[in-house]
Amino acid sequence: GVAALDSNVSGKIGLRAVVYYFSTTVIAVILGIVLVVSIKPGVTQKVNDINRTGKTPEVSTMDAMLDLIRNMFPENLVQACFQQYKTKREEVKPVGDPGGNATEVSVTTAMTTMSENKTKEYKIVGLYSDGINVLGLIIFCLVFGLVIGKMGEKGQILVDFFNALSDATMKIVQIIMCYMPIGILFLIAGKIIEVEDWEIFRKLGLYMATVLSGLAIHSLIVLPLLYFIVVRKNPFRFALGMAQALLTALMISSSSATLPVTFRCAEEKNQVDKRITRFVLPVGATINMDGTALYEAVAAVFIAQLNGLDLSIGQIVTISITATAASIGAAGVPQAGLVTMVIVLSAVGLPAEDVTLIIAVDWLLDRFRTMVNVLGDAFGTGIVEKLSKKELEQMDVSSEVNIVNPFALEPTTLDNEDSDTKKSYVNGGFAVDKSDTISFTQTSQF
């Protein structure tokens, strides 16, 4: 996708896509906060009324941001396909403790535990965890595509190769779509069997209704309205064309894993320009998380309500900003929102361990917010294509013009179906035939 675009054009398209993604994410956060403040799902309950599930993810805001930057530049592309860098803090035991050796620690961080009133030392350990480094792969592909596009004819072989590889992948996806309903059936059945406490759905029913209503408003009103205002076409017909991608997102709960199906639906069903989809969709699957941002805003205020805390305007603004930033940094993998949720809670001084209150229903909400993420990416391709129509048309016109090397002293042909073939020696002049084909012809004598 990037190789087929001019560097200036790709810059404009990228800027439009980022502005769209940022705008929709901010709208989603504001919508979530308005709903949770209005409905107040946590006011009628207390923290002790809800059973905790799982354990709190150990996340540091600074480490998470630095890991995001590190993952942008992967050390090994093959490793980036199945692992990503992650910083972990391990407690350093005292010197006298036979279970640990504090003298071998190279980097330590002092942290104070208020409940125990003593200082603990931690060492920072860098390791690789399972999960595709989507951001690093996208950064590499963007740079690689720009370089190939600059190489001209020399890079055309690679462009043709990747186009053929892409077409082959789409064929495989088409085959998978035939038996996907069977897999979907077993995925849902497996998740239902894993549920042990059905009472949790009653206790968190109002919270779930708040999140789902926010996702419904954003996907059925906000996004279609933006699409209609810019593109002036029926947004629901466009969304219907993305039905397979939305169903896939609902089942596998990963916007990154849904990408092949999203490509196919956008290009074949909705006829979006391939140069736009191949550039915009991978970026959107990484940074455009409208559903995740809305969910984090609702969850943070809900937990504050459970603890009987009245959030000030400043704290609500902090939640909005943090939820927006955290959703952009969230990987497009299942339940990444739980990890970023800890960052949002820490930003406003809420207990991070309270994230375990909502883990029990997160597997269900995660599927619906992934649907919203994918739908937002899809609408983004249509909007960006409309805004970039002039640049794409100019590229189409320039690619159809055949310019012969003005310094080549070899005979060239000027093809015209209505006239005989003409031969001339090239020496730096222009001549235009009836079919508007531009070529060079003789202007001086040797």
Protein backbone atom coordinates (compact mmCIF):
# COMPACT_ATOMS: atom_id res chain seq x y z
CA GLY A 1 0.00 0.00 0.00
CA VAL A 2 2.66 2.54 0.98
CA ALA A 3 4.91 1.58 -1.96
CA ALA A 4 2.10 2.52 -4.36
CA LEU A 5 1.84 6.02 -2.87
CA ASP A 6 4.00 9.08 -3.36
CA SER A 7 5.79 10.14 -0.19
CA ASN A 8 3.96 13.49 -0.11
CA VAL A 9 0.61 11.81 -0.70
CA SER A 10 1.26 9.18 1.97
CA GLY A 11 2.10 11.94 4.44
CA LYS A 12 -1.21 13.71 3.78
CA ILE A 13 -3.16 10.46 3.99
CA GLY A 14 -1.42 9.52 7.23
CA LEU A 15 -2.17 12.92 8.77
CA ARG A 16 -5.85 12.68 7.85
CA ALA A 17 -6.07 9.19 9.28
CA VAL A 18 -4.43 10.20 12.57
CA VAL A 19 -6.72 13.25 12.93
CA TYR A 20 -9.77 11.03 12.33
CA TYR A 21 -8.58 8.39 14.80
CA PHE A 22 -7.79 10.94 17.50
CA SER A 23 -11.11 12.75 17.03
CA THR A 24 -13.25 9.61 17.26
CA THR A 25 -11.32 8.41 20.32
CA VAL A 26 -11.91 11.70 22.14
CA ILE A 27 -15.61 11.56 21.23
CA ALA A 28 -15.83 7.99 22.55
CA VAL A 29 -14.22 8.96 25.88
CA ILE A 30 -16.54 11.94 26.35
CA LEU A 31 -19.56 9.79 25.49
CA GLY A 32 -18.52 7.13 28.01
CA ILE A 33 -18.03 9.64 30.83
CA VAL A 34 -21.38 11.34 30.14
CA LEU A 35 -23.18 7.99 30.26
CA VAL A 36 -21.51 6.66 33.42
CA VAL A 37 -22.01 9.96 35.28
CA SER A 38 -25.67 10.03 34.21
CA ILE A 39 -26.54 6.36 34.81
CA LYS A 40 -24.32 5.96 37.93
CA PRO A 41 -24.01 2.15 37.82
CA GLY A 42 -21.73 1.99 40.88
CA VAL A 43 -23.66 4.23 43.27
CA THR A 44 -26.13 1.54 44.39
CA GLN A 45 -23.36 -0.98 45.20
CA LYS A 46 -20.19 -1.23 47.25
CA VAL A 47 -16.82 -2.82 46.60
CA ASN A 48 -17.52 -5.68 49.01
CA ASP A 49 -20.73 -6.58 47.16
CA ILE A 50 -18.79 -7.82 44.11
CA ASN A 51 -16.49 -10.83 44.12
CA ARG A 52 -12.98 -10.26 42.83
CA THR A 53 -11.68 -12.40 39.97
CA GLY A 54 -8.12 -12.95 38.79
CA LYS A 55 -5.21 -10.78 39.83
CA THR A 56 -4.18 -7.20 39.22
CA PRO A 57 -1.80 -6.73 36.26
CA GLU A 58 1.52 -5.28 37.41
CA VAL A 59 1.92 -2.17 35.27
CA SER A 60 3.96 1.01 35.66
CA THR A 61 2.88 4.01 33.58
CA MET A 62 6.46 5.02 32.79
CA ASP A 63 7.48 1.46 31.91
CA ALA A 64 4.43 1.07 29.66
CA MET A 65 5.24 4.24 27.72
CA LEU A 66 8.91 3.30 27.35
CA ASP A 67 7.96 -0.21 26.24
CA LEU A 68 5.74 1.34 23.59
CA ILE A 69 8.71 3.29 22.21
CA ARG A 70 11.02 0.24 22.37
CA ASN A 71 8.52 -1.90 20.49
CA MET A 72 8.40 0.65 17.68
CA PHE A 73 11.92 -0.43 16.71
CA PRO A 74 12.11 -4.25 17.01
CA GLU A 75 15.52 -5.90 17.23
CA ASN A 76 14.41 -8.93 15.23
CA LEU A 77 11.57 -8.87 12.69
CA VAL A 78 10.95 -12.60 12.98
CA GLN A 79 10.73 -12.37 16.76
CA ALA A 80 8.39 -9.37 16.42
CA CYS A 81 5.88 -11.63 14.68
CA PHE A 82 5.17 -13.51 17.91
CA GLN A 83 6.82 -11.63 20.81
CA GLN A 84 7.02 -8.08 22.13
CA TYR A 85 9.28 -6.36 24.65
CA LYS A 86 7.96 -5.90 28.17
CA THR A 87 9.51 -4.43 31.30
CA LYS A 88 8.99 -6.29 34.56
CA ARG A 89 9.93 -5.30 38.10
CA GLU A 90 11.14 -8.01 40.45
CA GLU A 91 11.54 -7.48 44.18
CA VAL A 92 15.10 -7.62 45.45
CA LYS A 93 15.42 -9.67 48.62
CA PRO A 94 17.77 -8.59 51.44
CA VAL A 95 21.41 -9.70 51.39
CA GLY A 96 20.89 -12.05 54.31
CA ASP A 97 17.99 -13.77 52.56
CA PRO A 98 19.25 -17.03 51.03
CA GLY A 99 16.50 -16.81 48.42
CA GLY A 100 18.09 -13.88 46.63
CA ASN A 101 21.38 -12.07 46.04
CA ALA A 102 21.08 -8.30 46.08
CA THR A 103 24.73 -7.72 45.12
CA GLU A 104 24.07 -8.87 41.54
CA VAL A 105 21.42 -6.25 40.90
CA SER A 106 22.50 -3.66 38.35
CA VAL A 107 19.45 -1.43 38.34
CA THR A 108 17.17 -0.91 41.35
CA THR A 109 14.14 1.19 42.01
CA ALA A 110 13.05 2.18 45.50
CA MET A 111 9.35 1.95 46.21
CA THR A 112 7.66 2.58 49.54
CA THR A 113 4.76 0.46 50.74
CA MET A 114 2.62 2.63 52.98
CA SER A 115 0.87 -0.26 54.69
CA GLU A 116 4.12 -1.87 55.81
CA ASN A 117 5.94 1.46 56.25
CA LYS A 118 9.17 0.17 54.79
CA THR A 119 11.11 0.54 51.57
CA LYS A 120 11.35 -2.26 49.05
CA GLU A 121 13.87 -2.48 46.27
CA TYR A 122 13.02 -3.69 42.80
CA LYS A 123 15.19 -4.53 39.85
CA ILE A 124 14.05 -3.73 36.34
CA VAL A 125 14.12 -6.76 34.07
CA GLY A 126 13.57 -6.59 30.33
CA LEU A 127 12.01 -9.67 28.78
CA TYR A 128 9.90 -10.74 25.82
CA SER A 129 6.30 -11.83 26.29
CA ASP A 130 4.00 -13.67 23.92
CA GLY A 131 2.08 -11.42 21.55
CA ILE A 132 2.62 -9.89 18.13
CA ASN A 133 4.59 -6.64 18.12
CA VAL A 134 2.09 -5.01 15.78
CA LEU A 135 3.43 -1.48 16.21
CA GLY A 136 7.01 -2.46 15.38
CA LEU A 137 5.96 -4.40 12.28
CA ILE A 138 3.83 -1.50 11.05
CA ILE A 139 6.65 1.03 11.52
CA PHE A 140 9.04 -1.22 9.59
CA CYS A 141 6.52 -1.85 6.80
CA LEU A 142 5.81 1.87 6.44
CA VAL A 143 9.49 2.73 6.09
CA PHE A 144 10.15 -0.26 3.83
CA GLY A 145 7.20 0.65 1.61
CA LEU A 146 8.33 4.26 1.26
CA VAL A 147 11.84 3.14 0.29
CA ILE A 148 10.53 0.68 -2.31
CA GLY A 149 8.30 3.37 -3.77
CA LYS A 150 11.30 5.70 -4.12
CA MET A 151 13.31 3.04 -5.99
CA GLY A 152 11.05 3.14 -9.03
CA GLU A 153 11.55 0.31 -11.51
CA LYS A 154 14.24 -1.34 -9.36
CA GLY A 155 11.76 -1.81 -6.54
CA GLN A 156 8.91 -2.91 -8.79
CA ILE A 157 9.92 -6.56 -8.40
CA LEU A 158 9.40 -6.35 -4.64
CA VAL A 159 6.11 -4.50 -5.11
CA ASP A 160 4.85 -7.23 -7.44
CA PHE A 161 6.01 -9.91 -5.00
CA PHE A 162 4.17 -8.41 -2.03
CA ASN A 163 1.07 -7.79 -4.14
CA ALA A 164 1.06 -11.46 -5.15
CA LEU A 165 1.62 -12.49 -1.52
CA SER A 166 -1.27 -10.29 -0.45
CA ASP A 167 -3.57 -11.79 -3.08
CA ALA A 168 -2.61 -15.30 -1.97
CA THR A 169 -3.36 -14.39 1.65
CA MET A 170 -6.77 -13.06 0.67
CA LYS A 171 -7.51 -16.36 -1.11
CA ILE A 172 -6.66 -18.26 2.08
CA VAL A 173 -8.90 -15.93 4.10
CA GLN A 174 -11.71 -16.58 1.64
CA ILE A 175 -11.36 -20.32 2.25
CA ILE A 176 -11.29 -19.83 6.04
CA MET A 177 -14.49 -17.80 5.90
CA CYS A 178 -16.32 -20.88 4.58
CA TYR A 179 -15.85 -22.91 7.78
CA MET A 180 -15.52 -20.01 10.25
CA PRO A 181 -19.13 -20.37 11.58
CA ILE A 182 -18.22 -23.80 12.97
CA GLY A 183 -15.20 -22.39 14.80
CA ILE A 184 -17.26 -19.47 16.09
CA LEU A 185 -19.80 -21.88 17.57
CA PHE A 186 -17.13 -23.73 19.57
CA LEU A 187 -15.43 -20.48 20.67
CA ILE A 188 -18.66 -19.20 22.21
CA ALA A 189 -19.45 -22.58 23.75
CA GLY A 190 -15.99 -22.74 25.36
CA LYS A 191 -16.35 -19.29 26.93
CA ILE A 192 -19.80 -20.09 28.29
CA ILE A 193 -18.53 -23.30 29.89
CA GLU A 194 -15.69 -21.38 31.59
CA VAL A 195 -18.13 -19.10 33.42
CA GLU A 196 -18.42 -20.30 37.04
CA ASP A 197 -20.33 -17.50 38.73
CA TRP A 198 -23.37 -16.37 36.73
CA GLU A 199 -24.45 -14.17 39.64
CA ILE A 200 -21.70 -11.71 38.67
CA PHE A 201 -23.68 -10.75 35.56
CA ARG A 202 -26.58 -9.61 37.75
CA LYS A 203 -24.30 -7.63 40.06
CA LEU A 204 -22.50 -5.94 37.17
CA GLY A 205 -25.57 -5.75 34.94
CA LEU A 206 -25.94 -1.97 35.12
CA TYR A 207 -22.22 -1.48 34.47
CA MET A 208 -22.39 -3.77 31.43
CA ALA A 209 -25.50 -1.97 30.18
CA THR A 210 -23.67 1.37 30.46
CA VAL A 211 -20.69 0.13 28.45
CA LEU A 212 -22.82 -1.62 25.81
CA SER A 213 -25.13 1.37 25.40
CA GLY A 214 -22.12 3.63 24.90
CA LEU A 215 -20.66 1.27 22.31
CA ALA A 216 -24.04 1.10 20.55
CA ILE A 217 -24.42 4.89 20.41
CA HIS A 218 -20.87 5.33 19.14
CA SER A 219 -21.15 2.65 16.44
CA LEU A 220 -24.75 3.30 15.32
CA ILE A 221 -24.92 7.10 15.59
CA VAL A 222 -21.54 8.85 15.98
CA LEU A 223 -19.43 6.95 13.42
CA PRO A 224 -22.19 6.69 10.75
CA LEU A 225 -22.94 10.40 11.17
CA LEU A 226 -19.29 11.34 10.61
CA TYR A 227 -19.16 9.08 7.56
CA PHE A 228 -22.35 10.57 6.11
CA ILE A 229 -21.21 14.17 6.68
CA VAL A 230 -17.89 13.62 4.88
CA VAL A 231 -18.65 10.97 2.24
CA ARG A 232 -22.36 11.71 1.62
CA LYS A 233 -23.21 8.03 1.23
CA ASN A 234 -25.33 5.56 3.18
CA PRO A 235 -23.18 4.56 6.21
CA PHE A 236 -25.31 1.55 7.09
CA ARG A 237 -24.81 0.04 3.65
CA PHE A 238 -21.07 0.52 4.19
CA ALA A 239 -21.31 -1.13 7.63
CA LEU A 240 -23.28 -4.02 6.13
CA GLY A 241 -20.40 -4.62 3.74
CA MET A 242 -18.13 -5.02 6.78
CA ALA A 243 -20.40 -7.66 8.37
CA GLN A 244 -17.91 -10.53 8.04
CA ALA A 245 -15.11 -8.47 9.59
CA LEU A 246 -17.36 -7.38 12.46
CA LEU A 247 -18.46 -10.95 13.12
CA THR A 248 -14.83 -12.09 13.10
CA ALA A 249 -13.89 -9.33 15.56
CA LEU A 250 -16.76 -10.36 17.82
CA MET A 251 -15.55 -13.94 17.93
CA ILE A 252 -11.75 -13.66 18.14
CA SER A 253 -11.65 -10.37 20.07
CA SER A 254 -8.58 -8.99 18.28
CA SER A 255 -8.56 -6.14 15.77
CA SER A 256 -5.08 -7.11 14.56
CA ALA A 257 -6.06 -10.72 13.88
CA THR A 258 -9.16 -9.48 12.05
CA LEU A 259 -7.09 -7.41 9.59
CA PRO A 260 -7.11 -9.90 6.65
CA VAL A 261 -10.90 -10.12 6.77
CA THR A 262 -11.17 -6.34 7.18
CA PHE A 263 -9.01 -5.85 4.07
CA ARG A 264 -11.20 -8.18 2.06
CA CYS A 265 -14.49 -6.59 3.13
CA ALA A 266 -13.30 -3.01 2.61
CA GLU A 267 -11.77 -3.67 -0.81
CA GLU A 268 -14.21 -6.17 -2.31
CA LYS A 269 -17.53 -5.33 -0.66
CA ASN A 270 -17.17 -1.55 -0.21
CA GLN A 271 -14.79 -0.90 -3.14
CA VAL A 272 -12.36 1.20 -1.08
CA ASP A 273 -9.10 2.00 -2.87
CA LYS A 274 -6.49 -0.63 -2.07
CA ARG A 275 -3.82 2.03 -1.57
CA ILE A 276 -5.91 3.51 1.24
CA THR A 277 -6.88 0.27 2.99
CA ARG A 278 -3.35 -1.15 3.03
CA PHE A 279 -2.03 2.05 4.59
CA VAL A 280 -4.84 3.13 6.92
CA LEU A 281 -6.19 -0.16 8.33
CA PRO A 282 -2.93 -1.53 9.87
CA VAL A 283 -2.32 1.82 11.58
CA GLY A 284 -5.92 1.90 12.78
CA ALA A 285 -5.71 -1.62 14.20
CA THR A 286 -2.87 -0.37 16.42
CA ILE A 287 -3.83 3.14 17.51
CA ASN A 288 -7.57 3.48 16.86
CA MET A 289 -9.30 1.99 19.90
CA ASP A 290 -12.59 3.85 20.27
CA GLY A 291 -14.30 0.98 22.08
CA THR A 292 -11.37 0.50 24.45
CA ALA A 293 -11.20 4.21 25.28
CA LEU A 294 -14.93 4.34 26.05
CA TYR A 295 -14.72 1.21 28.19
CA GLU A 296 -11.76 2.52 30.21
CA ALA A 297 -13.50 5.82 30.92
CA VAL A 298 -16.68 4.07 32.08
CA ALA A 299 -14.77 1.49 34.17
CA ALA A 300 -12.65 4.12 35.94
CA VAL A 301 -15.66 6.20 36.99
CA PHE A 302 -17.59 3.03 37.91
CA ILE A 303 -14.80 1.90 40.27
CA ALA A 304 -14.70 5.38 41.81
CA GLN A 305 -18.46 5.16 42.43
CA LEU A 306 -18.05 1.73 44.06
CA ASN A 307 -15.52 3.25 46.47
CA GLY A 308 -17.88 6.13 47.28
CA LEU A 309 -15.57 8.76 45.76
CA ASP A 310 -16.86 11.93 44.15
CA LEU A 311 -14.57 12.74 41.25
CA SER A 312 -13.76 16.38 40.63
CA ILE A 313 -13.80 18.00 37.20
CA GLY A 314 -10.01 17.83 37.15
CA GLN A 315 -10.02 14.10 37.88
CA ILE A 316 -12.60 13.48 35.15
CA VAL A 317 -10.45 15.43 32.69
CA THR A 318 -7.45 13.37 33.80
CA ILE A 319 -9.40 10.17 33.18
CA SER A 320 -10.35 11.44 29.71
CA ILE A 321 -6.78 12.30 28.73
CA THR A 322 -5.30 9.13 30.22
CA ALA A 323 -7.94 6.87 28.67
CA THR A 324 -7.31 8.44 25.26
CA ALA A 325 -3.54 8.04 25.53
CA ALA A 326 -3.74 4.54 26.99
CA SER A 327 -6.11 3.31 24.28
CA ILE A 328 -3.74 4.57 21.58
CA GLY A 329 -0.91 2.62 23.18
CA ALA A 330 -2.99 -0.52 23.68
CA ALA A 331 -2.02 -3.44 21.47
CA GLY A 332 -4.72 -4.89 19.23
CA VAL A 333 -4.81 -8.15 21.15
CA PRO A 334 -7.45 -9.73 23.41
CA GLN A 335 -8.03 -8.03 26.79
CA ALA A 336 -5.30 -5.41 26.31
CA GLY A 337 -7.75 -2.94 27.87
CA LEU A 338 -7.27 -4.52 31.30
CA VAL A 339 -3.58 -3.67 31.28
CA THR A 340 -4.15 -0.06 30.24
CA MET A 341 -7.01 0.12 32.76
CA VAL A 342 -4.45 -0.05 35.58
CA ILE A 343 -2.71 3.03 34.14
CA VAL A 344 -5.99 4.97 34.07
CA LEU A 345 -6.84 4.04 37.67
CA SER A 346 -3.36 4.97 38.90
CA ALA A 347 -3.58 8.37 37.18
CA VAL A 348 -6.47 9.49 39.41
CA GLY A 349 -5.37 7.73 42.60
CA LEU A 350 -7.88 4.87 42.48
CA PRO A 351 -6.81 1.44 43.81
CA ALA A 352 -5.39 -0.56 40.91
CA GLU A 353 -6.42 -3.85 42.53
CA ASP A 354 -10.07 -2.91 41.98
CA VAL A 355 -9.64 -3.83 38.32
CA THR A 356 -10.27 -7.41 39.49
CA LEU A 357 -13.89 -6.42 40.13
CA ILE A 358 -14.64 -6.22 36.40
CA ILE A 359 -12.41 -9.00 35.06
CA ALA A 360 -15.25 -11.54 35.27
CA VAL A 361 -17.26 -9.79 32.54
CA ASP A 362 -14.37 -8.33 30.56
CA TRP A 363 -14.19 -11.30 28.16
CA LEU A 364 -17.70 -10.45 26.93
CA LEU A 365 -17.31 -6.66 26.78
CA ASP A 366 -13.94 -7.08 25.06
CA ARG A 367 -15.63 -8.68 22.07
CA PHE A 368 -18.11 -5.85 21.58
CA ARG A 369 -15.53 -3.10 21.96
CA THR A 370 -13.32 -4.89 19.41
CA MET A 371 -16.26 -4.75 16.99
CA VAL A 372 -16.46 -1.00 17.52
CA ASN A 373 -12.70 -0.66 16.98
CA VAL A 374 -12.88 -2.52 13.66
CA LEU A 375 -15.94 -0.57 12.52
CA GLY A 376 -14.16 2.69 13.34
CA ASP A 377 -11.16 1.58 11.28
CA ALA A 378 -13.43 0.69 8.35
CA PHE A 379 -15.30 4.00 8.38
CA GLY A 380 -11.91 5.69 8.56
CA THR A 381 -10.86 4.18 5.22
CA GLY A 382 -13.99 5.53 3.54
CA ILE A 383 -13.54 9.00 5.03
CA VAL A 384 -9.81 9.20 4.24
CA GLU A 385 -10.43 7.97 0.68
CA LYS A 386 -12.99 10.74 0.15
CA LEU A 387 -10.66 13.42 1.54
CA SER A 388 -7.74 12.09 -0.54
CA LYS A 389 -9.68 11.75 -3.80
CA LYS A 390 -7.78 14.52 -5.63
CA GLU A 391 -4.36 13.15 -4.71
CA LEU A 392 -5.33 9.63 -5.79
CA GLU A 393 -6.69 10.90 -9.13
CA GLN A 394 -3.48 12.85 -9.76
CA MET A 395 -1.45 9.71 -9.09
CA ASP A 396 -3.65 7.74 -11.50
CA VAL A 397 -3.14 10.35 -14.25
CA SER A 398 0.63 10.55 -13.72
CA SER A 399 0.96 6.77 -13.78
CA GLU A 400 -0.77 6.62 -17.18
CA VAL A 401 1.65 9.11 -18.79
CA ASN A 402 4.51 7.36 -20.60
CA ILE A 403 7.66 9.46 -20.58
CA VAL A 404 10.63 8.28 -22.65
CA ASN A 405 14.20 8.96 -21.55
CA PRO A 406 15.12 12.30 -23.22
CA PHE A 407 18.81 11.42 -23.40
CA ALA A 408 18.48 8.03 -25.10
CA LEU A 409 19.71 8.08 -28.73
CA GLU A 410 17.52 5.17 -29.73
CA PRO A 411 14.50 5.04 -32.00
CA THR A 412 11.16 5.25 -30.20
CA THR A 413 7.64 4.56 -31.40
CA LEU A 414 4.57 6.72 -31.09
CA ASP A 415 1.66 4.29 -31.02
CA ASN A 416 -1.59 5.43 -32.60
CA GLU A 417 -4.30 3.12 -33.87
CA ASP A 418 -5.45 5.66 -36.47
CA SER A 419 -1.99 6.35 -37.95
CA ASP A 420 1.12 4.51 -39.05
CA THR A 421 3.97 3.88 -36.63
CA LYS A 422 6.37 6.81 -36.51
CA LYS A 423 10.08 6.56 -35.69
CA SER A 424 12.23 9.41 -34.39
CA TYR A 425 15.45 10.09 -32.48
CA VAL A 426 15.09 11.50 -29.01
CA ASN A 427 16.86 14.74 -28.12
CA GLY A 428 14.91 16.63 -25.51
CA GLY A 429 11.64 17.91 -27.05
CA PHE A 430 7.95 17.14 -26.55
CA ALA A 431 5.29 16.08 -29.04
CA VAL A 432 1.69 15.16 -28.26
CA ASP A 433 -0.32 12.90 -30.57
CA LYS A 434 -4.11 12.71 -30.99
CA SER A 435 -4.48 10.21 -28.14
CA ASP A 436 -2.75 12.61 -25.70
CA THR A 437 0.18 10.22 -25.22
CA ILE A 438 3.25 12.23 -24.31
CA SER A 439 6.58 11.28 -25.89
CA PHE A 440 9.85 12.88 -26.92
CA THR A 441 10.83 13.45 -30.55
CA GLN A 442 13.59 15.01 -32.59
CA THR A 443 14.08 18.80 -32.25
CA SER A 444 17.66 19.29 -33.44
CA GLN A 445 19.90 17.95 -36.16
CA PHE A 446 23.27 16.28 -35.61
